[in-house]
Amino acid sequence: MSYPSDAEPILSTRCKLPGRSLWFSRAHLHEDHIELSGWNWRGRFSRSIELDNIDRFQWWAVLNDVNFLLHLKDGAAVPLQLLRSAGVWSCKLHELLGQSILAQDAIPRVAPRRDIAA
């Protein structure tokens, strides 16, 4: 689906997409979609995710790793590292999806540490 490029986002923040080499990447939250954009080796990168396609999401209060995980209705997962305001994104996305912020997945959990040997 195509969205007007002049539509002002509700929230916008720098981000990283794990597993991708992206520069100047940003996540933009709009009323009906999330737009991920940046630059990679082949040129401009852009991906739009309609809010209707999001089943649920999780967020963690960390900055140095994935702190936002979108679970799509088709079973795919989109991990993001929002460099600022992950909690604000969580509140606003709950509102746009019509979900309660007091739901179990709304409260951040401590992310599992990857550097601890089992």
N, C-alpha and C. Protein backbone atom coordinates (compact mmCIF):
# COMPACT_ATOMS: atom_id res chain seq x y z
N MET A 1 0.85 -1.17 0.00
CA MET A 1 0.00 0.00 0.00
C MET A 1 0.89 1.23 0.00
N SER A 2 0.50 2.24 -0.72
CA SER A 2 1.27 3.48 -0.81
C SER A 2 0.68 4.51 0.15
N TYR A 3 1.56 5.24 0.82
CA TYR A 3 1.13 6.25 1.77
C TYR A 3 1.67 7.60 1.32
N PRO A 4 0.93 8.67 1.60
CA PRO A 4 1.42 9.99 1.21
C PRO A 4 2.71 10.33 1.94
N SER A 5 3.73 10.75 1.20
CA SER A 5 5.03 11.03 1.81
C SER A 5 5.01 12.29 2.66
N ASP A 6 4.00 13.15 2.49
CA ASP A 6 3.94 14.38 3.26
C ASP A 6 3.15 14.23 4.55
N ALA A 7 2.62 13.02 4.82
CA ALA A 7 1.88 12.80 6.06
C ALA A 7 2.84 12.90 7.24
N GLU A 8 2.52 13.74 8.19
CA GLU A 8 3.37 13.96 9.35
C GLU A 8 3.25 12.77 10.32
N PRO A 9 4.38 12.17 10.71
CA PRO A 9 4.31 11.04 11.64
C PRO A 9 3.94 11.51 13.05
N ILE A 10 3.33 10.61 13.80
CA ILE A 10 3.01 10.88 15.20
C ILE A 10 4.29 10.86 16.03
N LEU A 11 5.12 9.85 15.77
CA LEU A 11 6.42 9.72 16.42
C LEU A 11 7.47 9.37 15.38
N SER A 12 8.68 9.79 15.60
CA SER A 12 9.78 9.47 14.71
C SER A 12 11.05 9.37 15.54
N THR A 13 11.82 8.32 15.33
CA THR A 13 13.06 8.16 16.08
C THR A 13 14.09 7.40 15.26
N ARG A 14 15.35 7.62 15.57
CA ARG A 14 16.40 6.83 14.94
C ARG A 14 16.29 5.40 15.42
N CYS A 15 16.66 4.46 14.57
CA CYS A 15 16.55 3.06 14.94
C CYS A 15 17.61 2.23 14.23
N LYS A 16 17.71 0.99 14.66
CA LYS A 16 18.55 0.00 13.99
C LYS A 16 17.69 -1.22 13.74
N LEU A 17 17.94 -1.89 12.64
CA LEU A 17 17.27 -3.15 12.32
C LEU A 17 18.33 -4.24 12.37
N PRO A 18 18.32 -5.06 13.41
CA PRO A 18 19.34 -6.10 13.55
C PRO A 18 19.44 -6.96 12.30
N GLY A 19 20.66 -7.27 11.92
CA GLY A 19 20.88 -8.10 10.74
C GLY A 19 20.92 -7.33 9.44
N ARG A 20 20.76 -6.02 9.49
CA ARG A 20 20.79 -5.19 8.27
C ARG A 20 21.82 -4.08 8.44
N SER A 21 22.54 -3.82 7.36
CA SER A 21 23.44 -2.68 7.34
C SER A 21 22.65 -1.48 6.82
N LEU A 22 22.25 -0.63 7.73
CA LEU A 22 21.48 0.57 7.37
C LEU A 22 22.13 1.79 7.98
N TRP A 23 22.13 2.87 7.22
CA TRP A 23 22.62 4.14 7.70
C TRP A 23 21.45 5.13 7.74
N PHE A 24 21.52 6.03 8.69
CA PHE A 24 20.50 7.07 8.84
C PHE A 24 19.10 6.47 8.91
N SER A 25 18.97 5.35 9.58
CA SER A 25 17.66 4.67 9.63
C SER A 25 16.76 5.31 10.68
N ARG A 26 15.48 5.34 10.35
CA ARG A 26 14.47 5.93 11.22
C ARG A 26 13.22 5.08 11.20
N ALA A 27 12.50 5.12 12.31
CA ALA A 27 11.18 4.51 12.40
C ALA A 27 10.18 5.64 12.58
N HIS A 28 9.12 5.63 11.78
CA HIS A 28 8.08 6.65 11.83
C HIS A 28 6.75 5.97 12.15
N LEU A 29 6.09 6.42 13.20
CA LEU A 29 4.78 5.89 13.56
C LEU A 29 3.70 6.83 13.04
N HIS A 30 2.84 6.30 12.18
CA HIS A 30 1.71 7.05 11.64
C HIS A 30 0.42 6.45 12.21
N GLU A 31 -0.70 7.07 11.94
CA GLU A 31 -1.98 6.58 12.48
C GLU A 31 -2.35 5.20 11.98
N ASP A 32 -1.87 4.82 10.80
CA ASP A 32 -2.27 3.52 10.24
C ASP A 32 -1.11 2.63 9.82
N HIS A 33 0.12 3.08 10.00
CA HIS A 33 1.26 2.25 9.63
C HIS A 33 2.54 2.71 10.32
N ILE A 34 3.53 1.83 10.30
CA ILE A 34 4.88 2.16 10.75
C ILE A 34 5.76 2.12 9.51
N GLU A 35 6.54 3.15 9.33
CA GLU A 35 7.44 3.22 8.18
C GLU A 35 8.88 3.14 8.68
N LEU A 36 9.63 2.20 8.14
CA LEU A 36 11.05 2.06 8.44
C LEU A 36 11.82 2.53 7.22
N SER A 37 12.80 3.38 7.41
CA SER A 37 13.54 3.90 6.26
C SER A 37 15.01 4.09 6.61
N GLY A 38 15.83 4.13 5.59
CA GLY A 38 17.26 4.34 5.75
C GLY A 38 17.96 4.12 4.43
N TRP A 39 19.26 3.95 4.50
CA TRP A 39 20.08 3.72 3.31
C TRP A 39 20.91 2.47 3.52
N ASN A 40 21.03 1.66 2.46
CA ASN A 40 21.90 0.49 2.50
C ASN A 40 22.81 0.51 1.29
N TRP A 41 23.54 -0.56 1.06
CA TRP A 41 24.51 -0.60 -0.04
C TRP A 41 23.86 -0.42 -1.40
N ARG A 42 22.58 -0.78 -1.53
CA ARG A 42 21.90 -0.69 -2.83
C ARG A 42 21.11 0.60 -3.01
N GLY A 43 21.10 1.44 -2.01
CA GLY A 43 20.34 2.68 -2.12
C GLY A 43 19.34 2.82 -0.98
N ARG A 44 18.26 3.50 -1.28
CA ARG A 44 17.24 3.78 -0.27
C ARG A 44 16.50 2.52 0.13
N PHE A 45 16.32 2.34 1.45
CA PHE A 45 15.54 1.23 2.00
C PHE A 45 14.27 1.80 2.61
N SER A 46 13.15 1.16 2.36
CA SER A 46 11.89 1.58 2.95
C SER A 46 10.99 0.37 3.13
N ARG A 47 10.35 0.29 4.29
CA ARG A 47 9.38 -0.77 4.54
C ARG A 47 8.23 -0.18 5.34
N SER A 48 7.01 -0.45 4.90
CA SER A 48 5.82 -0.01 5.61
C SER A 48 5.11 -1.23 6.20
N ILE A 49 4.71 -1.10 7.44
CA ILE A 49 3.97 -2.16 8.13
C ILE A 49 2.65 -1.57 8.57
N GLU A 50 1.56 -2.07 8.00
CA GLU A 50 0.24 -1.57 8.39
C GLU A 50 -0.07 -2.00 9.81
N LEU A 51 -0.67 -1.11 10.60
CA LEU A 51 -1.01 -1.44 11.97
C LEU A 51 -2.01 -2.59 12.03
N ASP A 52 -2.85 -2.73 11.00
CA ASP A 52 -3.80 -3.84 10.95
C ASP A 52 -3.10 -5.19 10.87
N ASN A 53 -1.84 -5.21 10.43
CA ASN A 53 -1.09 -6.46 10.31
C ASN A 53 -0.32 -6.82 11.58
N ILE A 54 -0.37 -5.96 12.59
CA ILE A 54 0.35 -6.23 13.84
C ILE A 54 -0.58 -6.98 14.79
N ASP A 55 -0.15 -8.17 15.20
CA ASP A 55 -0.92 -8.97 16.14
C ASP A 55 -0.67 -8.48 17.57
N ARG A 56 0.59 -8.32 17.90
CA ARG A 56 0.99 -7.82 19.22
C ARG A 56 2.43 -7.34 19.12
N PHE A 57 2.91 -6.73 20.20
CA PHE A 57 4.30 -6.31 20.23
C PHE A 57 4.81 -6.37 21.65
N GLN A 58 6.12 -6.39 21.77
CA GLN A 58 6.77 -6.39 23.07
C GLN A 58 7.82 -5.28 23.06
N TRP A 59 8.12 -4.76 24.25
CA TRP A 59 9.20 -3.79 24.34
C TRP A 59 9.96 -4.00 25.64
N TRP A 60 11.22 -3.60 25.60
CA TRP A 60 12.11 -3.72 26.75
C TRP A 60 12.77 -2.38 26.99
N ALA A 61 13.07 -2.10 28.24
CA ALA A 61 13.70 -0.83 28.61
C ALA A 61 15.23 -0.95 28.53
N VAL A 62 15.72 -1.20 27.33
CA VAL A 62 17.17 -1.25 27.07
C VAL A 62 17.45 -0.41 25.83
N LEU A 63 18.68 0.06 25.71
CA LEU A 63 19.05 0.87 24.54
C LEU A 63 20.10 0.20 23.66
N ASN A 64 20.86 -0.74 24.21
CA ASN A 64 21.99 -1.30 23.47
C ASN A 64 21.67 -2.61 22.75
N ASP A 65 20.40 -2.94 22.60
CA ASP A 65 19.99 -4.18 21.94
C ASP A 65 18.55 -4.01 21.45
N VAL A 66 18.01 -5.06 20.88
CA VAL A 66 16.61 -5.02 20.45
C VAL A 66 15.74 -4.63 21.64
N ASN A 67 14.90 -3.62 21.46
CA ASN A 67 14.01 -3.20 22.54
C ASN A 67 12.55 -3.08 22.10
N PHE A 68 12.27 -3.48 20.87
CA PHE A 68 10.90 -3.41 20.35
C PHE A 68 10.74 -4.56 19.36
N LEU A 69 9.75 -5.41 19.57
CA LEU A 69 9.55 -6.57 18.71
C LEU A 69 8.10 -6.61 18.25
N LEU A 70 7.90 -6.44 16.95
CA LEU A 70 6.56 -6.50 16.37
C LEU A 70 6.27 -7.93 15.95
N HIS A 71 5.15 -8.48 16.41
CA HIS A 71 4.69 -9.80 15.98
C HIS A 71 3.55 -9.57 14.98
N LEU A 72 3.76 -9.97 13.74
CA LEU A 72 2.77 -9.75 12.70
C LEU A 72 1.78 -10.91 12.64
N LYS A 73 0.62 -10.65 12.07
CA LYS A 73 -0.43 -11.66 12.00
C LYS A 73 -0.06 -12.84 11.12
N ASP A 74 0.89 -12.66 10.21
CA ASP A 74 1.31 -13.78 9.35
C ASP A 74 2.38 -14.64 10.03
N GLY A 75 2.70 -14.35 11.29
CA GLY A 75 3.68 -15.13 12.04
C GLY A 75 5.09 -14.57 12.01
N ALA A 76 5.34 -13.59 11.17
CA ALA A 76 6.67 -12.98 11.09
C ALA A 76 6.91 -12.07 12.30
N ALA A 77 8.16 -11.86 12.61
CA ALA A 77 8.54 -10.95 13.69
C ALA A 77 9.50 -9.91 13.13
N VAL A 78 9.34 -8.67 13.57
CA VAL A 78 10.20 -7.58 13.13
C VAL A 78 10.89 -6.99 14.36
N PRO A 79 12.18 -7.32 14.57
CA PRO A 79 12.90 -6.76 15.71
C PRO A 79 13.43 -5.36 15.38
N LEU A 80 13.33 -4.46 16.33
CA LEU A 80 13.83 -3.10 16.17
C LEU A 80 14.63 -2.70 17.39
N GLN A 81 15.58 -1.84 17.18
CA GLN A 81 16.28 -1.19 18.27
C GLN A 81 16.00 0.30 18.14
N LEU A 82 14.99 0.76 18.88
CA LEU A 82 14.67 2.19 18.88
C LEU A 82 15.69 2.89 19.76
N LEU A 83 16.34 3.91 19.24
CA LEU A 83 17.42 4.56 19.97
C LEU A 83 16.92 5.57 20.99
N ARG A 84 15.64 5.88 20.97
CA ARG A 84 15.03 6.77 21.96
C ARG A 84 13.55 6.43 22.08
N SER A 85 13.00 6.66 23.24
CA SER A 85 11.55 6.70 23.46
C SER A 85 10.80 5.41 23.18
N ALA A 86 11.40 4.25 23.46
CA ALA A 86 10.69 2.99 23.24
C ALA A 86 9.42 2.92 24.10
N GLY A 87 9.47 3.45 25.31
CA GLY A 87 8.29 3.46 26.18
C GLY A 87 7.17 4.34 25.63
N VAL A 88 7.53 5.48 25.07
CA VAL A 88 6.54 6.36 24.45
C VAL A 88 5.91 5.67 23.24
N TRP A 89 6.75 4.98 22.44
CA TRP A 89 6.23 4.22 21.30
C TRP A 89 5.25 3.16 21.78
N SER A 90 5.58 2.48 22.88
CA SER A 90 4.69 1.45 23.41
C SER A 90 3.33 2.03 23.79
N CYS A 91 3.34 3.15 24.51
CA CYS A 91 2.08 3.79 24.92
C CYS A 91 1.24 4.18 23.71
N LYS A 92 1.86 4.83 22.74
CA LYS A 92 1.12 5.32 21.57
C LYS A 92 0.63 4.17 20.70
N LEU A 93 1.45 3.13 20.53
CA LEU A 93 1.04 1.99 19.71
C LEU A 93 -0.09 1.22 20.37
N HIS A 94 -0.07 1.09 21.70
CA HIS A 94 -1.20 0.48 22.40
C HIS A 94 -2.48 1.26 22.12
N GLU A 95 -2.37 2.57 22.19
CA GLU A 95 -3.54 3.43 21.93
C GLU A 95 -4.06 3.24 20.51
N LEU A 96 -3.16 3.25 19.52
CA LEU A 96 -3.58 3.12 18.12
C LEU A 96 -4.16 1.74 17.81
N LEU A 97 -3.66 0.71 18.50
CA LEU A 97 -4.16 -0.65 18.29
C LEU A 97 -5.40 -0.95 19.13
N GLY A 98 -5.77 -0.01 20.00
CA GLY A 98 -6.95 -0.22 20.85
C GLY A 98 -6.70 -1.24 21.93
N GLN A 99 -5.45 -1.36 22.38
CA GLN A 99 -5.09 -2.32 23.41
C GLN A 99 -4.84 -1.59 24.72
N SER A 100 -5.06 -2.31 25.82
CA SER A 100 -4.81 -1.73 27.13
C SER A 100 -3.32 -1.71 27.43
N ILE A 101 -2.86 -0.60 27.95
CA ILE A 101 -1.45 -0.51 28.33
C ILE A 101 -1.17 -1.36 29.56
N LEU A 102 -2.21 -1.77 30.27
CA LEU A 102 -2.04 -2.60 31.46
C LEU A 102 -2.02 -4.09 31.12
N ALA A 103 -2.09 -4.42 29.84
CA ALA A 103 -2.04 -5.83 29.43
C ALA A 103 -0.67 -6.41 29.80
N GLN A 104 -0.61 -7.73 29.86
CA GLN A 104 0.60 -8.41 30.30
C GLN A 104 1.82 -8.01 29.48
N ASP A 105 1.71 -7.93 28.16
CA ASP A 105 2.86 -7.60 27.32
C ASP A 105 3.19 -6.12 27.30
N ALA A 106 2.37 -5.28 27.94
CA ALA A 106 2.62 -3.85 27.92
C ALA A 106 3.70 -3.44 28.90
N ILE A 107 3.88 -4.23 29.95
CA ILE A 107 4.86 -3.89 30.97
C ILE A 107 6.21 -4.44 30.54
N PRO A 108 7.24 -3.60 30.50
CA PRO A 108 8.54 -4.08 30.00
C PRO A 108 9.14 -5.13 30.92
N ARG A 109 9.83 -6.05 30.30
CA ARG A 109 10.55 -7.07 31.04
C ARG A 109 12.04 -6.82 30.88
N VAL A 110 12.79 -7.40 31.76
CA VAL A 110 14.24 -7.33 31.61
C VAL A 110 14.61 -8.24 30.45
N ALA A 111 15.32 -7.70 29.50
CA ALA A 111 15.73 -8.49 28.34
C ALA A 111 16.76 -9.52 28.78
N PRO A 112 16.69 -10.72 28.23
CA PRO A 112 17.67 -11.74 28.60
C PRO A 112 19.07 -11.32 28.16
N ARG A 113 20.03 -11.49 29.03
CA ARG A 113 21.41 -11.13 28.69
C ARG A 113 22.01 -12.21 27.82
N ARG A 114 22.63 -11.81 26.75
CA ARG A 114 23.21 -12.77 25.81
C ARG A 114 24.62 -13.18 26.20
N ASP A 115 25.24 -12.43 27.10
CA ASP A 115 26.64 -12.71 27.42
C ASP A 115 26.80 -13.66 28.60
N ILE A 116 25.70 -14.16 29.15
CA ILE A 116 25.76 -15.08 30.28
C ILE A 116 25.70 -16.50 29.75
N ALA A 117 26.71 -17.28 30.08
CA ALA A 117 26.74 -18.68 29.64
C ALA A 117 25.74 -19.49 30.46
N ALA A 118 25.07 -20.41 29.81
CA ALA A 118 24.07 -21.24 30.50
C ALA A 118 24.73 -22.34 31.29
